[in-house]
Amino acid sequence: MHALLMTLLVIVSLALIVVVLLQSGKSAGLSGAISGGAEQLFGKQKARGLDLVLQRVTIILSIVFFLLALAIVKF
């Protein structure tokens, strides 16, 4: 059971890394980081198309990653 969970954790972590690297950058530089965070917080920019899919896949993979990590600690 432990070996199966570890294998799944490695696969999910590699998939998470790939999905994060495939996402496009939201802003550039320090001024973009300040204004980009505010725009994302208040929802002025909505992700569309591939960016939306990658964002949702990232959320799902991160949840699966943490659940697998907790399951490994239990078993």
PDB file of N, CA and C in Angstrom:
ATOM      1  N   MET A   1       0.833  -1.205   0.000  1.00  0.00           N
ATOM      2  CA  MET A   1       0.000   0.000   0.000  1.00  0.00           C
ATOM      3  C   MET A   1       0.869   1.256   0.000  1.00  0.00           C
ATOM      4  N   HIS A   2       1.912   1.211   0.804  1.00  0.00           N
ATOM      5  CA  HIS A   2       2.808   2.364   0.904  1.00  0.00           C
ATOM      6  C   HIS A   2       3.509   2.633  -0.426  1.00  0.00           C
ATOM      7  N   ALA A   3       3.942   1.561  -1.094  1.00  0.00           N
ATOM      8  CA  ALA A   3       4.631   1.716  -2.382  1.00  0.00           C
ATOM      9  C   ALA A   3       3.690   2.296  -3.437  1.00  0.00           C
ATOM     10  N   LEU A   4       2.443   1.864  -3.420  1.00  0.00           N
ATOM     11  CA  LEU A   4       1.456   2.396  -4.367  1.00  0.00           C
ATOM     12  C   LEU A   4       1.213   3.881  -4.127  1.00  0.00           C
ATOM     13  N   LEU A   5       1.065   4.269  -2.868  1.00  0.00           N
ATOM     14  CA  LEU A   5       0.844   5.683  -2.546  1.00  0.00           C
ATOM     15  C   LEU A   5       2.054   6.541  -2.905  1.00  0.00           C
ATOM     16  N   MET A   6       3.246   6.006  -2.671  1.00  0.00           N
ATOM     17  CA  MET A   6       4.460   6.755  -3.029  1.00  0.00           C
ATOM     18  C   MET A   6       4.572   6.928  -4.544  1.00  0.00           C
ATOM     19  N   THR A   7       4.242   5.879  -5.288  1.00  0.00           N
ATOM     20  CA  THR A   7       4.281   5.963  -6.748  1.00  0.00           C
ATOM     21  C   THR A   7       3.272   6.990  -7.260  1.00  0.00           C
ATOM     22  N   LEU A   8       2.063   6.964  -6.707  1.00  0.00           N
ATOM     23  CA  LEU A   8       1.051   7.948  -7.092  1.00  0.00           C
ATOM     24  C   LEU A   8       1.482   9.362  -6.732  1.00  0.00           C
ATOM     25  N   LEU A   9       2.133   9.519  -5.580  1.00  0.00           N
ATOM     26  CA  LEU A   9       2.595  10.840  -5.160  1.00  0.00           C
ATOM     27  C   LEU A   9       3.655  11.381  -6.117  1.00  0.00           C
ATOM     28  N   VAL A  10       4.559  10.536  -6.553  1.00  0.00           N
ATOM     29  CA  VAL A  10       5.591  10.969  -7.502  1.00  0.00           C
ATOM     30  C   VAL A  10       4.968  11.362  -8.834  1.00  0.00           C
ATOM     31  N   ILE A  11       4.020  10.569  -9.317  1.00  0.00           N
ATOM     32  CA  ILE A  11       3.359  10.869 -10.591  1.00  0.00           C
ATOM     33  C   ILE A  11       2.587  12.176 -10.504  1.00  0.00           C
ATOM     34  N   VAL A  12       1.842  12.362  -9.408  1.00  0.00           N
ATOM     35  CA  VAL A  12       1.056  13.594  -9.254  1.00  0.00           C
ATOM     36  C   VAL A  12       1.979  14.801  -9.101  1.00  0.00           C
ATOM     37  N   SER A  13       3.080  14.646  -8.379  1.00  0.00           N
ATOM     38  CA  SER A  13       3.986  15.786  -8.203  1.00  0.00           C
ATOM     39  C   SER A  13       4.646  16.180  -9.529  1.00  0.00           C
ATOM     40  N   LEU A  14       5.016  15.201 -10.345  1.00  0.00           N
ATOM     41  CA  LEU A  14       5.587  15.522 -11.654  1.00  0.00           C
ATOM     42  C   LEU A  14       4.545  16.187 -12.557  1.00  0.00           C
ATOM     43  N   ALA A  15       3.317  15.697 -12.516  1.00  0.00           N
ATOM     44  CA  ALA A  15       2.250  16.313 -13.308  1.00  0.00           C
ATOM     45  C   ALA A  15       1.985  17.735 -12.846  1.00  0.00           C
ATOM     46  N   LEU A  16       2.032  17.964 -11.545  1.00  0.00           N
ATOM     47  CA  LEU A  16       1.826  19.304 -11.003  1.00  0.00           C
ATOM     48  C   LEU A  16       2.925  20.259 -11.461  1.00  0.00           C
ATOM     49  N   ILE A  17       4.148  19.797 -11.461  1.00  0.00           N
ATOM     50  CA  ILE A  17       5.263  20.626 -11.931  1.00  0.00           C
ATOM     51  C   ILE A  17       5.074  20.984 -13.404  1.00  0.00           C
ATOM     52  N   VAL A  18       4.709  20.008 -14.224  1.00  0.00           N
ATOM     53  CA  VAL A  18       4.522  20.260 -15.659  1.00  0.00           C
ATOM     54  C   VAL A  18       3.394  21.253 -15.900  1.00  0.00           C
ATOM     55  N   VAL A  19       2.273  21.082 -15.191  1.00  0.00           N
ATOM     56  CA  VAL A  19       1.123  21.971 -15.388  1.00  0.00           C
ATOM     57  C   VAL A  19       1.461  23.395 -14.965  1.00  0.00           C
ATOM     58  N   VAL A  20       2.188  23.546 -13.874  1.00  0.00           N
ATOM     59  CA  VAL A  20       2.570  24.891 -13.426  1.00  0.00           C
ATOM     60  C   VAL A  20       3.520  25.546 -14.431  1.00  0.00           C
ATOM     61  N   LEU A  21       4.437  24.776 -14.968  1.00  0.00           N
ATOM     62  CA  LEU A  21       5.366  25.344 -15.950  1.00  0.00           C
ATOM     63  C   LEU A  21       4.691  25.685 -17.276  1.00  0.00           C
ATOM     64  N   LEU A  22       3.602  25.014 -17.603  1.00  0.00           N
ATOM     65  CA  LEU A  22       2.886  25.311 -18.848  1.00  0.00           C
ATOM     66  C   LEU A  22       2.059  26.590 -18.764  1.00  0.00           C
ATOM     67  N   GLN A  23       1.760  27.054 -17.558  1.00  0.00           N
ATOM     68  CA  GLN A  23       0.934  28.248 -17.417  1.00  0.00           C
ATOM     69  C   GLN A  23       1.707  29.485 -17.840  1.00  0.00           C
ATOM     70  N   SER A  24       0.983  30.426 -18.433  1.00  0.00           N
ATOM     71  CA  SER A  24       1.626  31.661 -18.867  1.00  0.00           C
ATOM     72  C   SER A  24       1.785  32.601 -17.681  1.00  0.00           C
ATOM     73  N   GLY A  25       2.787  33.463 -17.759  1.00  0.00           N
ATOM     74  CA  GLY A  25       3.023  34.431 -16.701  1.00  0.00           C
ATOM     75  C   GLY A  25       1.930  35.480 -16.667  1.00  0.00           C
ATOM     76  N   LYS A  26       1.519  35.867 -15.476  1.00  0.00           N
ATOM     77  CA  LYS A  26       0.441  36.847 -15.336  1.00  0.00           C
ATOM     78  C   LYS A  26       0.953  38.284 -15.441  1.00  0.00           C
ATOM     79  N   SER A  27       2.177  38.524 -15.035  1.00  0.00           N
ATOM     80  CA  SER A  27       2.699  39.888 -15.048  1.00  0.00           C
ATOM     81  C   SER A  27       4.218  39.842 -15.151  1.00  0.00           C
ATOM     82  N   ALA A  28       4.798  41.006 -15.398  1.00  0.00           N
ATOM     83  CA  ALA A  28       6.245  41.081 -15.506  1.00  0.00           C
ATOM     84  C   ALA A  28       6.760  42.219 -14.637  1.00  0.00           C
ATOM     85  N   GLY A  29       7.823  41.947 -13.906  1.00  0.00           N
ATOM     86  CA  GLY A  29       8.433  42.984 -13.096  1.00  0.00           C
ATOM     87  C   GLY A  29       7.704  43.232 -11.784  1.00  0.00           C
ATOM     88  N   LEU A  30       8.267  44.156 -11.001  1.00  0.00           N
ATOM     89  CA  LEU A  30       7.712  44.454  -9.690  1.00  0.00           C
ATOM     90  C   LEU A  30       6.387  45.196  -9.788  1.00  0.00           C
ATOM     91  N   SER A  31       6.269  46.129 -10.713  1.00  0.00           N
ATOM     92  CA  SER A  31       5.009  46.863 -10.842  1.00  0.00           C
ATOM     93  C   SER A  31       3.891  45.944 -11.306  1.00  0.00           C
ATOM     94  N   GLY A  32       4.209  44.991 -12.149  1.00  0.00           N
ATOM     95  CA  GLY A  32       3.211  44.027 -12.586  1.00  0.00           C
ATOM     96  C   GLY A  32       2.798  43.094 -11.462  1.00  0.00           C
ATOM     97  N   ALA A  33       3.732  42.799 -10.568  1.00  0.00           N
ATOM     98  CA  ALA A  33       3.405  41.913  -9.444  1.00  0.00           C
ATOM     99  C   ALA A  33       2.430  42.594  -8.490  1.00  0.00           C
ATOM    100  N   ILE A  34       2.608  43.894  -8.292  1.00  0.00           N
ATOM    101  CA  ILE A  34       1.723  44.625  -7.376  1.00  0.00           C
ATOM    102  C   ILE A  34       0.337  44.790  -8.003  1.00  0.00           C
ATOM    103  N   SER A  35       0.280  45.265  -9.219  1.00  0.00           N
ATOM    104  CA  SER A  35      -1.026  45.479  -9.849  1.00  0.00           C
ATOM    105  C   SER A  35      -1.669  44.162 -10.261  1.00  0.00           C
ATOM    106  N   GLY A  36      -0.866  43.186 -10.653  1.00  0.00           N
ATOM    107  CA  GLY A  36      -1.412  41.885 -11.051  1.00  0.00           C
ATOM    108  C   GLY A  36      -2.089  41.172  -9.901  1.00  0.00           C
ATOM    109  N   GLY A  37      -1.522  41.291  -8.704  1.00  0.00           N
ATOM    110  CA  GLY A  37      -2.142  40.678  -7.541  1.00  0.00           C
ATOM    111  C   GLY A  37      -3.467  41.322  -7.204  1.00  0.00           C
ATOM    112  N   ALA A  38      -3.544  42.638  -7.350  1.00  0.00           N
ATOM    113  CA  ALA A  38      -4.797  43.332  -7.061  1.00  0.00           C
ATOM    114  C   ALA A  38      -5.861  42.982  -8.095  1.00  0.00           C
ATOM    115  N   GLU A  39      -5.472  42.872  -9.349  1.00  0.00           N
ATOM    116  CA  GLU A  39      -6.441  42.516 -10.385  1.00  0.00           C
ATOM    117  C   GLU A  39      -6.954  41.100 -10.182  1.00  0.00           C
ATOM    118  N   GLN A  40      -6.075  40.213  -9.787  1.00  0.00           N
ATOM    119  CA  GLN A  40      -6.503  38.844  -9.573  1.00  0.00           C
ATOM    120  C   GLN A  40      -7.397  38.747  -8.333  1.00  0.00           C
ATOM    121  N   LEU A  41      -7.096  39.538  -7.319  1.00  0.00           N
ATOM    122  CA  LEU A  41      -7.864  39.503  -6.090  1.00  0.00           C
ATOM    123  C   LEU A  41      -9.284  40.000  -6.308  1.00  0.00           C
ATOM    124  N   PHE A  42      -9.445  41.057  -7.066  1.00  0.00           N
ATOM    125  CA  PHE A  42     -10.760  41.638  -7.267  1.00  0.00           C
ATOM    126  C   PHE A  42     -11.462  41.111  -8.512  1.00  0.00           C
ATOM    127  N   GLY A  43     -10.839  40.205  -9.235  1.00  0.00           N
ATOM    128  CA  GLY A  43     -11.495  39.537 -10.347  1.00  0.00           C
ATOM    129  C   GLY A  43     -11.669  40.374 -11.591  1.00  0.00           C
ATOM    130  N   LYS A  44     -10.769  41.318 -11.841  1.00  0.00           N
ATOM    131  CA  LYS A  44     -10.895  42.130 -13.061  1.00  0.00           C
ATOM    132  C   LYS A  44     -10.509  41.327 -14.296  1.00  0.00           C
ATOM    133  N   GLN A  45      -9.595  40.403 -14.130  1.00  0.00           N
ATOM    134  CA  GLN A  45      -9.191  39.575 -15.256  1.00  0.00           C
ATOM    135  C   GLN A  45      -9.664  38.158 -15.004  1.00  0.00           C
ATOM    136  N   LYS A  46     -10.352  37.614 -15.973  1.00  0.00           N
ATOM    137  CA  LYS A  46     -10.805  36.226 -15.881  1.00  0.00           C
ATOM    138  C   LYS A  46      -9.967  35.395 -16.849  1.00  0.00           C
ATOM    139  N   ALA A  47      -9.529  34.245 -16.381  1.00  0.00           N
ATOM    140  CA  ALA A  47      -8.765  33.357 -17.247  1.00  0.00           C
ATOM    141  C   ALA A  47      -9.700  32.724 -18.271  1.00  0.00           C
ATOM    142  N   ARG A  48      -9.208  32.577 -19.489  1.00  0.00           N
ATOM    143  CA  ARG A  48     -10.017  31.991 -20.551  1.00  0.00           C
ATOM    144  C   ARG A  48      -9.221  30.916 -21.265  1.00  0.00           C
ATOM    145  N   GLY A  49      -9.927  29.974 -21.813  1.00  0.00           N
ATOM    146  CA  GLY A  49      -9.324  28.964 -22.663  1.00  0.00           C
ATOM    147  C   GLY A  49      -8.370  28.054 -21.925  1.00  0.00           C
ATOM    148  N   LEU A  50      -7.185  27.922 -22.495  1.00  0.00           N
ATOM    149  CA  LEU A  50      -6.181  27.011 -21.963  1.00  0.00           C
ATOM    150  C   LEU A  50      -5.731  27.419 -20.567  1.00  0.00           C
ATOM    151  N   ASP A  51      -5.629  28.714 -20.315  1.00  0.00           N
ATOM    152  CA  ASP A  51      -5.219  29.175 -18.988  1.00  0.00           C
ATOM    153  C   ASP A  51      -6.211  28.740 -17.913  1.00  0.00           C
ATOM    154  N   LEU A  52      -7.498  28.779 -18.232  1.00  0.00           N
ATOM    155  CA  LEU A  52      -8.522  28.355 -17.284  1.00  0.00           C
ATOM    156  C   LEU A  52      -8.416  26.860 -17.011  1.00  0.00           C
ATOM    157  N   VAL A  53      -8.208  26.076 -18.057  1.00  0.00           N
ATOM    158  CA  VAL A  53      -8.071  24.631 -17.890  1.00  0.00           C
ATOM    159  C   VAL A  53      -6.842  24.309 -17.045  1.00  0.00           C
ATOM    160  N   LEU A  54      -5.720  24.954 -17.350  1.00  0.00           N
ATOM    161  CA  LEU A  54      -4.499  24.708 -16.583  1.00  0.00           C
ATOM    162  C   LEU A  54      -4.651  25.132 -15.132  1.00  0.00           C
ATOM    163  N   GLN A  55      -5.373  26.215 -14.895  1.00  0.00           N
ATOM    164  CA  GLN A  55      -5.598  26.675 -13.531  1.00  0.00           C
ATOM    165  C   GLN A  55      -6.425  25.659 -12.744  1.00  0.00           C
ATOM    166  N   ARG A  56      -7.458  25.136 -13.361  1.00  0.00           N
ATOM    167  CA  ARG A  56      -8.308  24.147 -12.679  1.00  0.00           C
ATOM    168  C   ARG A  56      -7.569  22.831 -12.462  1.00  0.00           C
ATOM    169  N   VAL A  57      -6.775  22.411 -13.447  1.00  0.00           N
ATOM    170  CA  VAL A  57      -5.988  21.186 -13.290  1.00  0.00           C
ATOM    171  C   VAL A  57      -4.963  21.350 -12.174  1.00  0.00           C
ATOM    172  N   THR A  58      -4.378  22.538 -12.059  1.00  0.00           N
ATOM    173  CA  THR A  58      -3.428  22.811 -10.977  1.00  0.00           C
ATOM    174  C   THR A  58      -4.097  22.685  -9.622  1.00  0.00           C
ATOM    175  N   ILE A  59      -5.287  23.225  -9.489  1.00  0.00           N
ATOM    176  CA  ILE A  59      -6.014  23.141  -8.222  1.00  0.00           C
ATOM    177  C   ILE A  59      -6.327  21.685  -7.880  1.00  0.00           C
ATOM    178  N   ILE A  60      -6.804  20.937  -8.862  1.00  0.00           N
ATOM    179  CA  ILE A  60      -7.146  19.529  -8.621  1.00  0.00           C
ATOM    180  C   ILE A  60      -5.909  18.719  -8.259  1.00  0.00           C
ATOM    181  N   LEU A  61      -4.811  18.921  -8.997  1.00  0.00           N
ATOM    182  CA  LEU A  61      -3.590  18.174  -8.712  1.00  0.00           C
ATOM    183  C   LEU A  61      -3.003  18.538  -7.356  1.00  0.00           C
ATOM    184  N   SER A  62      -3.111  19.798  -6.953  1.00  0.00           N
ATOM    185  CA  SER A  62      -2.582  20.178  -5.645  1.00  0.00           C
ATOM    186  C   SER A  62      -3.401  19.554  -4.513  1.00  0.00           C
ATOM    187  N   ILE A  63      -4.710  19.471  -4.690  1.00  0.00           N
ATOM    188  CA  ILE A  63      -5.553  18.819  -3.677  1.00  0.00           C
ATOM    189  C   ILE A  63      -5.207  17.330  -3.590  1.00  0.00           C
ATOM    190  N   VAL A  64      -5.056  16.677  -4.738  1.00  0.00           N
ATOM    191  CA  VAL A  64      -4.694  15.259  -4.752  1.00  0.00           C
ATOM    192  C   VAL A  64      -3.315  15.053  -4.130  1.00  0.00           C
ATOM    193  N   PHE A  65      -2.380  15.970  -4.404  1.00  0.00           N
ATOM    194  CA  PHE A  65      -1.038  15.880  -3.841  1.00  0.00           C
ATOM    195  C   PHE A  65      -1.076  15.918  -2.316  1.00  0.00           C
ATOM    196  N   PHE A  66      -1.818  16.874  -1.756  1.00  0.00           N
ATOM    197  CA  PHE A  66      -1.878  16.980  -0.302  1.00  0.00           C
ATOM    198  C   PHE A  66      -2.617  15.801   0.325  1.00  0.00           C
ATOM    199  N   LEU A  67      -3.654  15.308  -0.327  1.00  0.00           N
ATOM    200  CA  LEU A  67      -4.357  14.140   0.198  1.00  0.00           C
ATOM    201  C   LEU A  67      -3.459  12.897   0.177  1.00  0.00           C
ATOM    202  N   LEU A  68      -2.690  12.731  -0.886  1.00  0.00           N
ATOM    203  CA  LEU A  68      -1.759  11.607  -0.941  1.00  0.00           C
ATOM    204  C   LEU A  68      -0.658  11.738   0.111  1.00  0.00           C
ATOM    205  N   ALA A  69      -0.166  12.962   0.306  1.00  0.00           N
ATOM    206  CA  ALA A  69       0.867  13.169   1.321  1.00  0.00           C
ATOM    207  C   ALA A  69       0.332  12.834   2.713  1.00  0.00           C
ATOM    208  N   LEU A  70      -0.895  13.227   2.988  1.00  0.00           N
ATOM    209  CA  LEU A  70      -1.496  12.890   4.284  1.00  0.00           C
ATOM    210  C   LEU A  70      -1.749  11.393   4.403  1.00  0.00           C
ATOM    211  N   ALA A  71      -2.139  10.740   3.313  1.00  0.00           N
ATOM    212  CA  ALA A  71      -2.376   9.306   3.340  1.00  0.00           C
ATOM    213  C   ALA A  71      -1.088   8.538   3.577  1.00  0.00           C
ATOM    214  N   ILE A  72       0.012   9.015   3.040  1.00  0.00           N
ATOM    215  CA  ILE A  72       1.307   8.347   3.251  1.00  0.00           C
ATOM    216  C   ILE A  72       1.717   8.444   4.714  1.00  0.00           C
ATOM    217  N   VAL A  73       1.442   9.578   5.328  1.00  0.00           N
ATOM    218  CA  VAL A  73       1.789   9.742   6.750  1.00  0.00           C
ATOM    219  C   VAL A  73       0.950   8.784   7.608  1.00  0.00           C
ATOM    220  N   LYS A  74      -0.295   8.584   7.230  1.00  0.00           N
ATOM    221  CA  LYS A  74      -1.181   7.690   7.996  1.00  0.00           C
ATOM    222  C   LYS A  74      -0.751   6.224   7.857  1.00  0.00           C
ATOM    223  N   PHE A  75      -0.335   5.820   6.647  1.00  0.00           N
ATOM    224  CA  PHE A  75      -0.008   4.406   6.421  1.00  0.00           C
ATOM    225  C   PHE A  75       1.447   4.217   6.536  1.00  0.00           C
TER     226      PHE A  75
END
